Amino acid sequence: MAAHAAKRPTHDERRAAMLEAAAAVFFEHGYAATSIDAIIERIGGSKRTIYNEFGSKEGLFTALVTESADKALAALRVDEVDQRDLRQALLEFAKRLMDVYISPTLLGVFRTIVTEAQRFPDLARAFYDKGPGRAAQRLCEVLEAAQTRGEVQLEDCAIAADHFMGMVRDNFHLRILLGLRPEPTPEAVEAVVVSAVDIFLDGIRYRRPPASMLDK
């Protein structure tokens, strides 16, 4: 029986491979020291292919951030969130966000951008606008819609959205970013996500102790 011909990768598969290779090279050598030639050496192909797909090295880096953010933002699609329980929508969004944050690609991007931000401020701005900033803006819109429906009461939805993004990422992500803990289990990620969503929606239910107890 004749062997089947190897299936040629699709455009999306080739693009994903280029992004994965670029992330690895950016992380290993830094943005400034990374060349398109180094990325091509990692995956094969030609400069024309890279430039046709991404336009430039900066375009390649920005695409890494944009496509990662797209994965998280899929949980906040306008046509779906309004028909779901807000808590469930936030849980799904937070889980996808955390999965993106702790992926090898985004960990490499975070480390690269922190190192290179001073030298390449436009790159840092693109990173924020295409990634965390875009996610926070979409979440702000979701919270504003929930407020209009009377589900939440917030003085400033933009600030609340920023708080939520920080709560999801928190020191859990920082320890992974710094290499202070191994890759977390799905159960550990779930615990962080549920805690962040529940505290965000319900607070910690602080009750000031009676004055008699404070005097003790």
N, C-alpha and C. Protein backbone atom coordinates (compact mmCIF):
# COMPACT_ATOMS: atom_id res chain seq x y z
N MET A 1 0.85 -1.20 0.00
CA MET A 1 0.00 0.00 0.00
C MET A 1 0.88 1.24 0.00
N ALA A 2 0.66 2.12 -0.97
CA ALA A 2 1.49 3.30 -1.10
C ALA A 2 1.33 4.21 0.10
N ALA A 3 2.43 4.75 0.50
CA ALA A 3 2.39 5.68 1.65
C ALA A 3 1.70 6.96 1.21
N HIS A 4 0.91 7.50 2.10
CA HIS A 4 0.25 8.75 1.80
C HIS A 4 1.26 9.89 1.81
N ALA A 5 1.09 10.83 0.91
CA ALA A 5 1.97 11.99 0.87
C ALA A 5 1.77 12.80 2.15
N ALA A 6 2.87 13.36 2.64
CA ALA A 6 2.79 14.17 3.86
C ALA A 6 1.88 15.37 3.62
N LYS A 7 1.04 15.63 4.59
CA LYS A 7 0.11 16.75 4.46
C LYS A 7 0.86 18.07 4.58
N ARG A 8 0.64 18.95 3.63
CA ARG A 8 1.31 20.25 3.68
C ARG A 8 0.64 21.12 4.74
N PRO A 9 1.44 21.83 5.51
CA PRO A 9 0.85 22.69 6.55
C PRO A 9 0.00 23.79 5.92
N THR A 10 -1.05 24.16 6.61
CA THR A 10 -1.91 25.24 6.14
C THR A 10 -1.24 26.58 6.42
N HIS A 11 -1.84 27.62 5.87
CA HIS A 11 -1.31 28.97 6.11
C HIS A 11 -1.31 29.28 7.60
N ASP A 12 -2.40 28.94 8.29
CA ASP A 12 -2.48 29.23 9.73
C ASP A 12 -1.43 28.46 10.51
N GLU A 13 -1.17 27.22 10.11
CA GLU A 13 -0.15 26.41 10.78
C GLU A 13 1.24 26.98 10.55
N ARG A 14 1.51 27.44 9.32
CA ARG A 14 2.81 28.04 9.03
C ARG A 14 2.98 29.34 9.81
N ARG A 15 1.91 30.13 9.88
CA ARG A 15 1.97 31.39 10.63
C ARG A 15 2.23 31.12 12.12
N ALA A 16 1.53 30.14 12.67
CA ALA A 16 1.71 29.80 14.08
C ALA A 16 3.14 29.34 14.34
N ALA A 17 3.71 28.57 13.42
CA ALA A 17 5.08 28.09 13.57
C ALA A 17 6.07 29.26 13.55
N MET A 18 5.82 30.23 12.67
CA MET A 18 6.69 31.41 12.61
C MET A 18 6.63 32.20 13.91
N LEU A 19 5.43 32.37 14.45
CA LEU A 19 5.28 33.11 15.69
C LEU A 19 5.94 32.39 16.86
N GLU A 20 5.78 31.08 16.91
CA GLU A 20 6.39 30.30 17.99
C GLU A 20 7.91 30.38 17.93
N ALA A 21 8.46 30.28 16.73
CA ALA A 21 9.91 30.38 16.57
C ALA A 21 10.40 31.78 16.93
N ALA A 22 9.65 32.79 16.50
CA ALA A 22 10.04 34.17 16.80
C ALA A 22 10.04 34.41 18.30
N ALA A 23 9.03 33.91 18.99
CA ALA A 23 8.96 34.10 20.44
C ALA A 23 10.18 33.49 21.11
N ALA A 24 10.58 32.31 20.67
CA ALA A 24 11.73 31.63 21.27
C ALA A 24 13.01 32.43 21.02
N VAL A 25 13.18 32.95 19.82
CA VAL A 25 14.40 33.69 19.49
C VAL A 25 14.43 35.03 20.21
N PHE A 26 13.28 35.72 20.27
CA PHE A 26 13.22 36.98 21.01
C PHE A 26 13.61 36.76 22.47
N PHE A 27 13.12 35.67 23.05
CA PHE A 27 13.40 35.39 24.45
C PHE A 27 14.87 35.05 24.67
N GLU A 28 15.44 34.29 23.75
CA GLU A 28 16.83 33.86 23.91
C GLU A 28 17.83 35.00 23.70
N HIS A 29 17.55 35.88 22.73
CA HIS A 29 18.54 36.88 22.34
C HIS A 29 18.12 38.32 22.61
N GLY A 30 16.85 38.55 22.98
CA GLY A 30 16.38 39.92 23.14
C GLY A 30 15.90 40.48 21.82
N TYR A 31 15.06 41.50 21.90
CA TYR A 31 14.49 42.06 20.68
C TYR A 31 15.55 42.67 19.78
N ALA A 32 16.45 43.49 20.36
CA ALA A 32 17.43 44.21 19.55
C ALA A 32 18.37 43.25 18.82
N ALA A 33 18.77 42.18 19.50
CA ALA A 33 19.76 41.27 18.92
C ALA A 33 19.14 40.23 18.00
N THR A 34 17.83 40.17 17.95
CA THR A 34 17.17 39.19 17.10
C THR A 34 17.03 39.72 15.68
N SER A 35 17.41 38.92 14.73
CA SER A 35 17.27 39.29 13.33
C SER A 35 16.26 38.37 12.65
N ILE A 36 15.72 38.84 11.56
CA ILE A 36 14.82 37.99 10.77
C ILE A 36 15.56 36.74 10.31
N ASP A 37 16.86 36.89 10.00
CA ASP A 37 17.66 35.73 9.57
C ASP A 37 17.70 34.66 10.65
N ALA A 38 17.79 35.09 11.92
CA ALA A 38 17.85 34.13 13.03
C ALA A 38 16.54 33.36 13.15
N ILE A 39 15.44 34.05 12.90
CA ILE A 39 14.14 33.39 12.96
C ILE A 39 13.99 32.42 11.80
N ILE A 40 14.43 32.83 10.62
CA ILE A 40 14.35 31.95 9.45
C ILE A 40 15.22 30.72 9.66
N GLU A 41 16.39 30.90 10.27
CA GLU A 41 17.27 29.77 10.54
C GLU A 41 16.58 28.76 11.45
N ARG A 42 15.71 29.26 12.34
CA ARG A 42 15.03 28.37 13.28
C ARG A 42 13.92 27.56 12.58
N ILE A 43 13.22 28.17 11.63
CA ILE A 43 12.05 27.50 11.05
C ILE A 43 12.16 27.23 9.55
N GLY A 44 13.20 27.80 8.89
CA GLY A 44 13.28 27.66 7.45
C GLY A 44 12.44 28.72 6.75
N GLY A 45 12.37 28.65 5.45
CA GLY A 45 11.58 29.63 4.70
C GLY A 45 12.46 30.75 4.17
N SER A 46 11.84 31.90 3.94
CA SER A 46 12.57 33.02 3.34
C SER A 46 12.15 34.33 3.99
N LYS A 47 13.01 35.35 3.80
CA LYS A 47 12.68 36.68 4.31
C LYS A 47 11.38 37.19 3.70
N ARG A 48 11.20 36.91 2.42
CA ARG A 48 9.99 37.39 1.74
C ARG A 48 8.74 36.88 2.44
N THR A 49 8.78 35.61 2.86
CA THR A 49 7.62 35.04 3.56
C THR A 49 7.33 35.80 4.85
N ILE A 50 8.39 36.07 5.62
CA ILE A 50 8.22 36.80 6.89
C ILE A 50 7.69 38.20 6.63
N TYR A 51 8.31 38.91 5.69
CA TYR A 51 7.91 40.29 5.43
C TYR A 51 6.51 40.37 4.82
N ASN A 52 6.16 39.42 3.97
CA ASN A 52 4.81 39.42 3.40
C ASN A 52 3.76 39.20 4.48
N GLU A 53 4.09 38.38 5.47
CA GLU A 53 3.13 38.02 6.51
C GLU A 53 3.03 39.08 7.60
N PHE A 54 4.19 39.66 7.99
CA PHE A 54 4.20 40.54 9.16
C PHE A 54 4.72 41.96 8.89
N GLY A 55 5.36 42.17 7.77
CA GLY A 55 5.80 43.51 7.42
C GLY A 55 7.17 43.89 7.93
N SER A 56 7.50 43.49 9.16
CA SER A 56 8.77 43.87 9.77
C SER A 56 8.98 43.06 11.03
N LYS A 57 10.15 43.24 11.64
CA LYS A 57 10.41 42.56 12.92
C LYS A 57 9.44 43.07 13.99
N GLU A 58 9.19 44.38 14.00
CA GLU A 58 8.23 44.93 14.97
C GLU A 58 6.83 44.38 14.71
N GLY A 59 6.47 44.24 13.43
CA GLY A 59 5.17 43.67 13.10
C GLY A 59 5.04 42.23 13.58
N LEU A 60 6.13 41.50 13.51
CA LEU A 60 6.15 40.11 13.98
C LEU A 60 5.95 40.07 15.49
N PHE A 61 6.65 40.95 16.21
CA PHE A 61 6.52 40.99 17.67
C PHE A 61 5.10 41.40 18.06
N THR A 62 4.56 42.40 17.39
CA THR A 62 3.21 42.86 17.69
C THR A 62 2.17 41.77 17.43
N ALA A 63 2.39 40.99 16.36
CA ALA A 63 1.47 39.90 16.05
C ALA A 63 1.45 38.86 17.15
N LEU A 64 2.59 38.62 17.79
CA LEU A 64 2.64 37.69 18.92
C LEU A 64 1.68 38.12 20.01
N VAL A 65 1.72 39.42 20.33
CA VAL A 65 0.87 39.95 21.40
C VAL A 65 -0.59 39.96 20.98
N THR A 66 -0.84 40.43 19.76
CA THR A 66 -2.22 40.57 19.28
C THR A 66 -2.94 39.22 19.24
N GLU A 67 -2.30 38.21 18.71
CA GLU A 67 -2.95 36.91 18.59
C GLU A 67 -3.15 36.24 19.95
N SER A 68 -2.23 36.49 20.88
CA SER A 68 -2.42 35.97 22.23
C SER A 68 -3.61 36.64 22.90
N ALA A 69 -3.73 37.96 22.73
CA ALA A 69 -4.87 38.69 23.30
C ALA A 69 -6.18 38.22 22.67
N ASP A 70 -6.15 37.92 21.38
CA ASP A 70 -7.37 37.45 20.70
C ASP A 70 -7.92 36.19 21.37
N LYS A 71 -7.03 35.31 21.81
CA LYS A 71 -7.47 34.06 22.44
C LYS A 71 -8.24 34.35 23.72
N ALA A 72 -7.75 35.31 24.51
CA ALA A 72 -8.44 35.65 25.76
C ALA A 72 -9.73 36.40 25.48
N LEU A 73 -9.71 37.31 24.51
CA LEU A 73 -10.87 38.15 24.25
C LEU A 73 -12.02 37.38 23.61
N ALA A 74 -11.73 36.21 23.08
CA ALA A 74 -12.81 35.39 22.51
C ALA A 74 -13.86 35.07 23.56
N ALA A 75 -13.48 35.10 24.83
CA ALA A 75 -14.43 34.81 25.91
C ALA A 75 -15.35 35.99 26.20
N LEU A 76 -15.06 37.14 25.60
CA LEU A 76 -15.87 38.34 25.85
C LEU A 76 -16.52 38.85 24.57
N ARG A 77 -16.92 37.95 23.72
CA ARG A 77 -17.59 38.36 22.48
C ARG A 77 -18.88 39.08 22.81
N VAL A 78 -19.09 40.19 22.12
CA VAL A 78 -20.25 41.05 22.40
C VAL A 78 -21.56 40.30 22.26
N ASP A 79 -21.65 39.43 21.27
CA ASP A 79 -22.93 38.78 21.00
C ASP A 79 -23.21 37.62 21.95
N GLU A 80 -22.27 37.31 22.85
CA GLU A 80 -22.47 36.19 23.76
C GLU A 80 -22.56 36.60 25.22
N VAL A 81 -21.75 37.59 25.62
CA VAL A 81 -21.66 37.94 27.04
C VAL A 81 -23.00 38.40 27.61
N ASP A 82 -23.74 39.18 26.85
CA ASP A 82 -25.00 39.73 27.36
C ASP A 82 -26.03 38.63 27.65
N GLN A 83 -25.83 37.45 27.09
CA GLN A 83 -26.79 36.36 27.30
C GLN A 83 -26.30 35.34 28.33
N ARG A 84 -25.18 35.65 28.98
CA ARG A 84 -24.63 34.73 29.97
C ARG A 84 -24.57 35.40 31.33
N ASP A 85 -24.50 34.58 32.36
CA ASP A 85 -24.27 35.07 33.71
C ASP A 85 -22.91 35.77 33.75
N LEU A 86 -22.86 36.96 34.37
CA LEU A 86 -21.62 37.72 34.39
C LEU A 86 -20.49 36.94 35.06
N ARG A 87 -20.79 36.25 36.14
CA ARG A 87 -19.75 35.48 36.83
C ARG A 87 -19.15 34.43 35.91
N GLN A 88 -19.99 33.71 35.16
CA GLN A 88 -19.49 32.69 34.26
C GLN A 88 -18.65 33.31 33.14
N ALA A 89 -19.08 34.47 32.65
CA ALA A 89 -18.31 35.16 31.61
C ALA A 89 -16.93 35.56 32.13
N LEU A 90 -16.89 36.07 33.36
CA LEU A 90 -15.61 36.48 33.95
C LEU A 90 -14.73 35.27 34.23
N LEU A 91 -15.32 34.18 34.68
CA LEU A 91 -14.54 32.96 34.92
C LEU A 91 -13.88 32.47 33.63
N GLU A 92 -14.64 32.44 32.56
CA GLU A 92 -14.09 31.97 31.28
C GLU A 92 -13.00 32.91 30.79
N PHE A 93 -13.27 34.22 30.89
CA PHE A 93 -12.29 35.21 30.44
C PHE A 93 -11.00 35.09 31.26
N ALA A 94 -11.15 35.01 32.60
CA ALA A 94 -9.98 34.93 33.48
C ALA A 94 -9.17 33.67 33.21
N LYS A 95 -9.86 32.55 32.96
CA LYS A 95 -9.15 31.30 32.67
C LYS A 95 -8.36 31.42 31.37
N ARG A 96 -8.98 31.96 30.35
CA ARG A 96 -8.27 32.12 29.08
C ARG A 96 -7.12 33.11 29.24
N LEU A 97 -7.36 34.18 29.99
CA LEU A 97 -6.32 35.18 30.21
C LEU A 97 -5.13 34.55 30.91
N MET A 98 -5.38 33.77 31.95
CA MET A 98 -4.28 33.13 32.67
C MET A 98 -3.55 32.12 31.79
N ASP A 99 -4.30 31.36 31.00
CA ASP A 99 -3.66 30.41 30.09
C ASP A 99 -2.71 31.13 29.13
N VAL A 100 -3.15 32.31 28.66
CA VAL A 100 -2.30 33.10 27.77
C VAL A 100 -1.09 33.64 28.52
N TYR A 101 -1.32 34.19 29.70
CA TYR A 101 -0.23 34.79 30.48
C TYR A 101 0.89 33.79 30.78
N ILE A 102 0.53 32.54 31.08
CA ILE A 102 1.55 31.58 31.50
C ILE A 102 2.01 30.68 30.36
N SER A 103 1.58 30.97 29.15
CA SER A 103 2.06 30.21 28.00
C SER A 103 3.52 30.58 27.74
N PRO A 104 4.32 29.65 27.24
CA PRO A 104 5.73 29.95 26.96
C PRO A 104 5.89 31.17 26.05
N THR A 105 4.99 31.33 25.08
CA THR A 105 5.09 32.47 24.17
C THR A 105 4.97 33.79 24.92
N LEU A 106 3.93 33.92 25.74
CA LEU A 106 3.71 35.20 26.42
C LEU A 106 4.69 35.43 27.54
N LEU A 107 5.15 34.37 28.20
CA LEU A 107 6.20 34.56 29.20
C LEU A 107 7.45 35.13 28.53
N GLY A 108 7.78 34.61 27.35
CA GLY A 108 8.92 35.14 26.62
C GLY A 108 8.70 36.58 26.20
N VAL A 109 7.48 36.91 25.76
CA VAL A 109 7.17 38.28 25.36
C VAL A 109 7.27 39.23 26.55
N PHE A 110 6.71 38.83 27.70
CA PHE A 110 6.78 39.66 28.90
C PHE A 110 8.24 39.95 29.27
N ARG A 111 9.05 38.91 29.30
CA ARG A 111 10.45 39.09 29.69
C ARG A 111 11.18 39.98 28.70
N THR A 112 10.88 39.81 27.42
CA THR A 112 11.53 40.63 26.39
C THR A 112 11.13 42.09 26.51
N ILE A 113 9.85 42.35 26.70
CA ILE A 113 9.38 43.73 26.70
C ILE A 113 9.87 44.48 27.94
N VAL A 114 9.98 43.80 29.08
CA VAL A 114 10.50 44.45 30.28
C VAL A 114 11.96 44.84 30.06
N THR A 115 12.71 43.99 29.38
CA THR A 115 14.13 44.27 29.11
C THR A 115 14.31 45.39 28.10
N GLU A 116 13.44 45.44 27.09
CA GLU A 116 13.64 46.33 25.96
C GLU A 116 12.81 47.60 25.98
N ALA A 117 11.93 47.76 26.95
CA ALA A 117 10.96 48.86 26.93
C ALA A 117 11.63 50.23 26.86
N GLN A 118 12.70 50.43 27.61
CA GLN A 118 13.37 51.74 27.61
C GLN A 118 14.01 52.05 26.26
N ARG A 119 14.55 51.05 25.62
CA ARG A 119 15.22 51.26 24.33
C ARG A 119 14.24 51.35 23.18
N PHE A 120 13.08 50.67 23.34
CA PHE A 120 12.10 50.64 22.26
C PHE A 120 10.71 51.01 22.81
N PRO A 121 10.51 52.29 23.15
CA PRO A 121 9.23 52.70 23.75
C PRO A 121 8.03 52.46 22.84
N ASP A 122 8.21 52.55 21.53
CA ASP A 122 7.09 52.29 20.61
C ASP A 122 6.67 50.83 20.68
N LEU A 123 7.65 49.96 20.86
CA LEU A 123 7.35 48.54 20.99
C LEU A 123 6.59 48.29 22.29
N ALA A 124 7.01 48.96 23.37
CA ALA A 124 6.31 48.82 24.65
C ALA A 124 4.87 49.31 24.54
N ARG A 125 4.67 50.42 23.85
CA ARG A 125 3.32 50.95 23.66
C ARG A 125 2.47 49.98 22.85
N ALA A 126 3.05 49.42 21.79
CA ALA A 126 2.31 48.46 20.97
C ALA A 126 1.94 47.23 21.79
N PHE A 127 2.87 46.78 22.64
CA PHE A 127 2.60 45.64 23.50
C PHE A 127 1.40 45.92 24.41
N TYR A 128 1.41 47.09 25.03
CA TYR A 128 0.31 47.40 25.95
C TYR A 128 -1.01 47.58 25.20
N ASP A 129 -0.98 48.35 24.13
CA ASP A 129 -2.22 48.65 23.40
C ASP A 129 -2.85 47.41 22.78
N LYS A 130 -2.03 46.53 22.23
CA LYS A 130 -2.55 45.35 21.54
C LYS A 130 -2.89 44.21 22.50
N GLY A 131 -2.30 44.24 23.69
CA GLY A 131 -2.50 43.15 24.64
C GLY A 131 -3.30 43.56 25.85
N PRO A 132 -2.63 43.87 26.97
CA PRO A 132 -3.35 44.20 28.22
C PRO A 132 -4.34 45.35 28.08
N GLY A 133 -3.96 46.40 27.36
CA GLY A 133 -4.85 47.55 27.21
C GLY A 133 -6.13 47.20 26.48
N ARG A 134 -6.00 46.41 25.42
CA ARG A 134 -7.19 46.02 24.64
C ARG A 134 -8.10 45.11 25.45
N ALA A 135 -7.49 44.21 26.23
CA ALA A 135 -8.30 43.31 27.06
C ALA A 135 -9.04 44.09 28.14
N ALA A 136 -8.36 45.06 28.76
CA ALA A 136 -9.00 45.86 29.80
C ALA A 136 -10.13 46.71 29.23
N GLN A 137 -9.94 47.25 28.03
CA GLN A 137 -10.99 48.06 27.40
C GLN A 137 -12.22 47.23 27.09
N ARG A 138 -12.02 46.01 26.59
CA ARG A 138 -13.17 45.15 26.29
C ARG A 138 -13.89 44.77 27.57
N LEU A 139 -13.13 44.47 28.62
CA LEU A 139 -13.76 44.14 29.90
C LEU A 139 -14.52 45.33 30.45
N CYS A 140 -13.98 46.53 30.29
CA CYS A 140 -14.68 47.75 30.70
C CYS A 140 -16.04 47.85 30.01
N GLU A 141 -16.09 47.54 28.73
CA GLU A 141 -17.35 47.59 27.99
C GLU A 141 -18.34 46.57 28.53
N VAL A 142 -17.84 45.38 28.88
CA VAL A 142 -18.70 44.34 29.46
C VAL A 142 -19.27 44.80 30.79
N LEU A 143 -18.44 45.43 31.62
CA LEU A 143 -18.90 45.90 32.93
C LEU A 143 -19.89 47.06 32.78
N GLU A 144 -19.66 47.92 31.81
CA GLU A 144 -20.60 49.01 31.57
C GLU A 144 -21.97 48.47 31.14
N ALA A 145 -21.95 47.43 30.31
CA ALA A 145 -23.21 46.82 29.90
C ALA A 145 -23.91 46.18 31.09
N ALA A 146 -23.14 45.52 31.96
CA ALA A 146 -23.72 44.91 33.16
C ALA A 146 -24.29 45.97 34.09
N GLN A 147 -23.62 47.10 34.16
CA GLN A 147 -24.12 48.19 35.00
C GLN A 147 -25.43 48.75 34.45
N THR A 148 -25.51 48.86 33.14
CA THR A 148 -26.75 49.33 32.50
C THR A 148 -27.90 48.38 32.79
N ARG A 149 -27.60 47.09 32.87
CA ARG A 149 -28.64 46.11 33.18
C ARG A 149 -28.95 46.04 34.67
N GLY A 150 -28.20 46.78 35.47
CA GLY A 150 -28.44 46.80 36.91
C GLY A 150 -27.80 45.65 37.66
N GLU A 151 -26.85 44.96 37.05
CA GLU A 151 -26.22 43.80 37.69
C GLU A 151 -25.10 44.20 38.64
N VAL A 152 -24.44 45.32 38.38
CA VAL A 152 -23.33 45.78 39.22
C VAL A 152 -23.46 47.28 39.44
N GLN A 153 -22.79 47.76 40.46
CA GLN A 153 -22.74 49.20 40.74
C GLN A 153 -21.28 49.60 40.85
N LEU A 154 -20.81 50.36 39.90
CA LEU A 154 -19.41 50.77 39.85
C LEU A 154 -19.31 52.26 39.57
N GLU A 155 -18.39 52.92 40.22
CA GLU A 155 -18.17 54.34 39.95
C GLU A 155 -17.36 54.53 38.67
N ASP A 156 -16.43 53.63 38.41
CA ASP A 156 -15.57 53.76 37.23
C ASP A 156 -15.27 52.36 36.70
N CYS A 157 -15.90 52.00 35.59
CA CYS A 157 -15.73 50.65 35.03
C CYS A 157 -14.31 50.43 34.51
N ALA A 158 -13.66 51.49 34.04
CA ALA A 158 -12.30 51.34 33.52
C ALA A 158 -11.34 50.97 34.65
N ILE A 159 -11.47 51.64 35.78
CA ILE A 159 -10.62 51.32 36.93
C ILE A 159 -10.90 49.91 37.41
N ALA A 160 -12.18 49.55 37.47
CA ALA A 160 -12.55 48.19 37.91
C ALA A 160 -11.96 47.14 36.98
N ALA A 161 -11.98 47.40 35.68
CA ALA A 161 -11.42 46.46 34.72
C ALA A 161 -9.92 46.28 34.95
N ASP A 162 -9.23 47.39 35.21
CA ASP A 162 -7.79 47.31 35.50
C ASP A 162 -7.55 46.50 36.77
N HIS A 163 -8.38 46.72 37.79
CA HIS A 163 -8.24 45.95 39.02
C HIS A 163 -8.37 44.45 38.74
N PHE A 164 -9.37 44.10 37.94
CA PHE A 164 -9.61 42.69 37.66
C PHE A 164 -8.42 42.06 36.94
N MET A 165 -7.90 42.78 35.95
CA MET A 165 -6.75 42.26 35.22
C MET A 165 -5.58 42.01 36.16
N GLY A 166 -5.36 42.94 37.10
CA GLY A 166 -4.28 42.78 38.07
C GLY A 166 -4.52 41.62 39.02
N MET A 167 -5.78 41.44 39.45
CA MET A 167 -6.10 40.36 40.36
C MET A 167 -5.85 39.00 39.71
N VAL A 168 -6.18 38.88 38.45
CA VAL A 168 -5.98 37.60 37.76
C VAL A 168 -4.49 37.30 37.62
N ARG A 169 -3.72 38.31 37.28
CA ARG A 169 -2.29 38.11 37.04
C ARG A 169 -1.53 37.96 38.37
N ASP A 170 -1.64 38.89 39.22
CA ASP A 170 -1.06 38.99 40.57
C ASP A 170 0.31 38.33 40.74
N ASN A 171 0.67 37.99 41.95
CA ASN A 171 1.99 37.40 42.22
C ASN A 171 2.11 35.98 41.70
N PHE A 172 1.00 35.34 41.45
CA PHE A 172 1.00 33.98 40.88
C PHE A 172 1.74 34.00 39.54
N HIS A 173 1.35 34.95 38.68
CA HIS A 173 1.99 35.09 37.38
C HIS A 173 3.42 35.58 37.54
N LEU A 174 3.66 36.50 38.47
CA LEU A 174 5.00 37.06 38.66
C LEU A 174 5.99 35.97 39.06
N ARG A 175 5.58 35.07 39.96
CA ARG A 175 6.49 34.00 40.37
C ARG A 175 6.85 33.09 39.20
N ILE A 176 5.88 32.82 38.33
CA ILE A 176 6.15 32.01 37.14
C ILE A 176 7.08 32.77 36.20
N LEU A 177 6.80 34.05 36.02
CA LEU A 177 7.60 34.90 35.13
C LEU A 177 9.06 34.95 35.59
N LEU A 178 9.27 34.99 36.90
CA LEU A 178 10.62 35.07 37.45
C LEU A 178 11.27 33.70 37.61
N GLY A 179 10.55 32.65 37.26
CA GLY A 179 11.10 31.31 37.39
C GLY A 179 11.17 30.82 38.82
N LEU A 180 10.32 31.38 39.69
CA LEU A 180 10.33 31.02 41.10
C LEU A 180 9.40 29.86 41.42
N ARG A 181 8.61 29.44 40.46
CA ARG A 181 7.76 28.27 40.65
C ARG A 181 7.59 27.57 39.31
N PRO A 182 7.37 26.27 39.34
CA PRO A 182 7.21 25.53 38.09
C PRO A 182 5.87 25.84 37.44
N GLU A 183 5.69 25.31 36.25
CA GLU A 183 4.42 25.48 35.56
C GLU A 183 3.29 24.96 36.44
N PRO A 184 2.26 25.78 36.66
CA PRO A 184 1.20 25.37 37.60
C PRO A 184 0.28 24.30 37.01
N THR A 185 -0.35 23.57 37.88
CA THR A 185 -1.34 22.58 37.46
C THR A 185 -2.63 23.29 37.08
N PRO A 186 -3.48 22.65 36.29
CA PRO A 186 -4.79 23.25 35.99
C PRO A 186 -5.59 23.55 37.25
N GLU A 187 -5.44 22.73 38.28
CA GLU A 187 -6.17 22.95 39.53
C GLU A 187 -5.69 24.22 40.22
N ALA A 188 -4.39 24.48 40.17
CA ALA A 188 -3.86 25.70 40.78
C ALA A 188 -4.34 26.94 40.04
N VAL A 189 -4.36 26.87 38.72
CA VAL A 189 -4.86 27.99 37.91
C VAL A 189 -6.33 28.24 38.21
N GLU A 190 -7.10 27.16 38.28
CA GLU A 190 -8.53 27.27 38.56
C GLU A 190 -8.78 27.94 39.91
N ALA A 191 -7.99 27.58 40.91
CA ALA A 191 -8.16 28.17 42.25
C ALA A 191 -7.90 29.67 42.22
N VAL A 192 -6.86 30.09 41.52
CA VAL A 192 -6.55 31.52 41.42
C VAL A 192 -7.66 32.27 40.69
N VAL A 193 -8.13 31.69 39.59
CA VAL A 193 -9.17 32.33 38.78
C VAL A 193 -10.47 32.48 39.58
N VAL A 194 -10.91 31.42 40.23
CA VAL A 194 -12.16 31.47 40.99
C VAL A 194 -12.06 32.48 42.12
N SER A 195 -10.93 32.50 42.82
CA SER A 195 -10.75 33.45 43.91
C SER A 195 -10.80 34.88 43.40
N ALA A 196 -10.12 35.15 42.29
CA ALA A 196 -10.10 36.51 41.75
C ALA A 196 -11.50 36.96 41.34
N VAL A 197 -12.24 36.09 40.66
CA VAL A 197 -13.59 36.45 40.21
C VAL A 197 -14.52 36.67 41.40
N ASP A 198 -14.46 35.79 42.39
CA ASP A 198 -15.37 35.91 43.53
C ASP A 198 -15.07 37.15 44.37
N ILE A 199 -13.79 37.45 44.59
CA ILE A 199 -13.44 38.65 45.34
C ILE A 199 -13.80 39.89 44.55
N PHE A 200 -13.60 39.85 43.25
CA PHE A 200 -13.95 41.00 42.41
C PHE A 200 -15.45 41.29 42.47
N LEU A 201 -16.26 40.25 42.42
CA LEU A 201 -17.71 40.46 42.39
C LEU A 201 -18.31 40.70 43.77
N ASP A 202 -17.75 40.06 44.79
CA ASP A 202 -18.36 40.11 46.13
C ASP A 202 -17.51 40.83 47.17
N GLY A 203 -16.27 41.16 46.85
CA GLY A 203 -15.40 41.74 47.86
C GLY A 203 -15.01 40.70 48.89
N ILE A 204 -14.35 41.13 49.95
CA ILE A 204 -13.96 40.19 51.01
C ILE A 204 -14.91 40.29 52.20
N ARG A 205 -16.02 41.02 51.99
CA ARG A 205 -17.08 41.11 52.99
C ARG A 205 -16.53 41.55 54.36
N TYR A 206 -15.72 42.59 54.32
CA TYR A 206 -15.16 43.12 55.57
C TYR A 206 -16.26 43.71 56.45
N ARG A 207 -16.22 43.37 57.71
CA ARG A 207 -17.14 43.95 58.69
C ARG A 207 -16.31 44.51 59.82
N ARG A 208 -16.42 45.80 60.06
CA ARG A 208 -15.63 46.44 61.11
C ARG A 208 -16.01 45.86 62.47
N PRO A 209 -15.02 45.41 63.25
CA PRO A 209 -15.34 44.86 64.56
C PRO A 209 -15.96 45.91 65.47
N PRO A 210 -16.77 45.50 66.45
CA PRO A 210 -17.32 46.44 67.42
C PRO A 210 -16.20 47.17 68.15
N ALA A 211 -16.49 48.39 68.59
CA ALA A 211 -15.48 49.20 69.26
C ALA A 211 -14.93 48.49 70.49
N SER A 212 -15.76 47.71 71.17
CA SER A 212 -15.32 47.00 72.38
C SER A 212 -14.20 46.00 72.07
N MET A 213 -14.25 45.39 70.88
CA MET A 213 -13.22 44.43 70.50
C MET A 213 -11.94 45.13 70.09
N LEU A 214 -12.08 46.33 69.47
CA LEU A 214 -10.90 47.08 69.06
C LEU A 214 -10.10 47.57 70.24
N ASP A 215 -10.78 47.77 71.40
CA ASP A 215 -10.10 48.29 72.59
C ASP A 215 -9.30 47.23 73.32
N LYS A 216 -9.54 45.96 72.96
CA LYS A 216 -8.86 44.89 73.68
C LYS A 216 -7.41 44.75 73.26
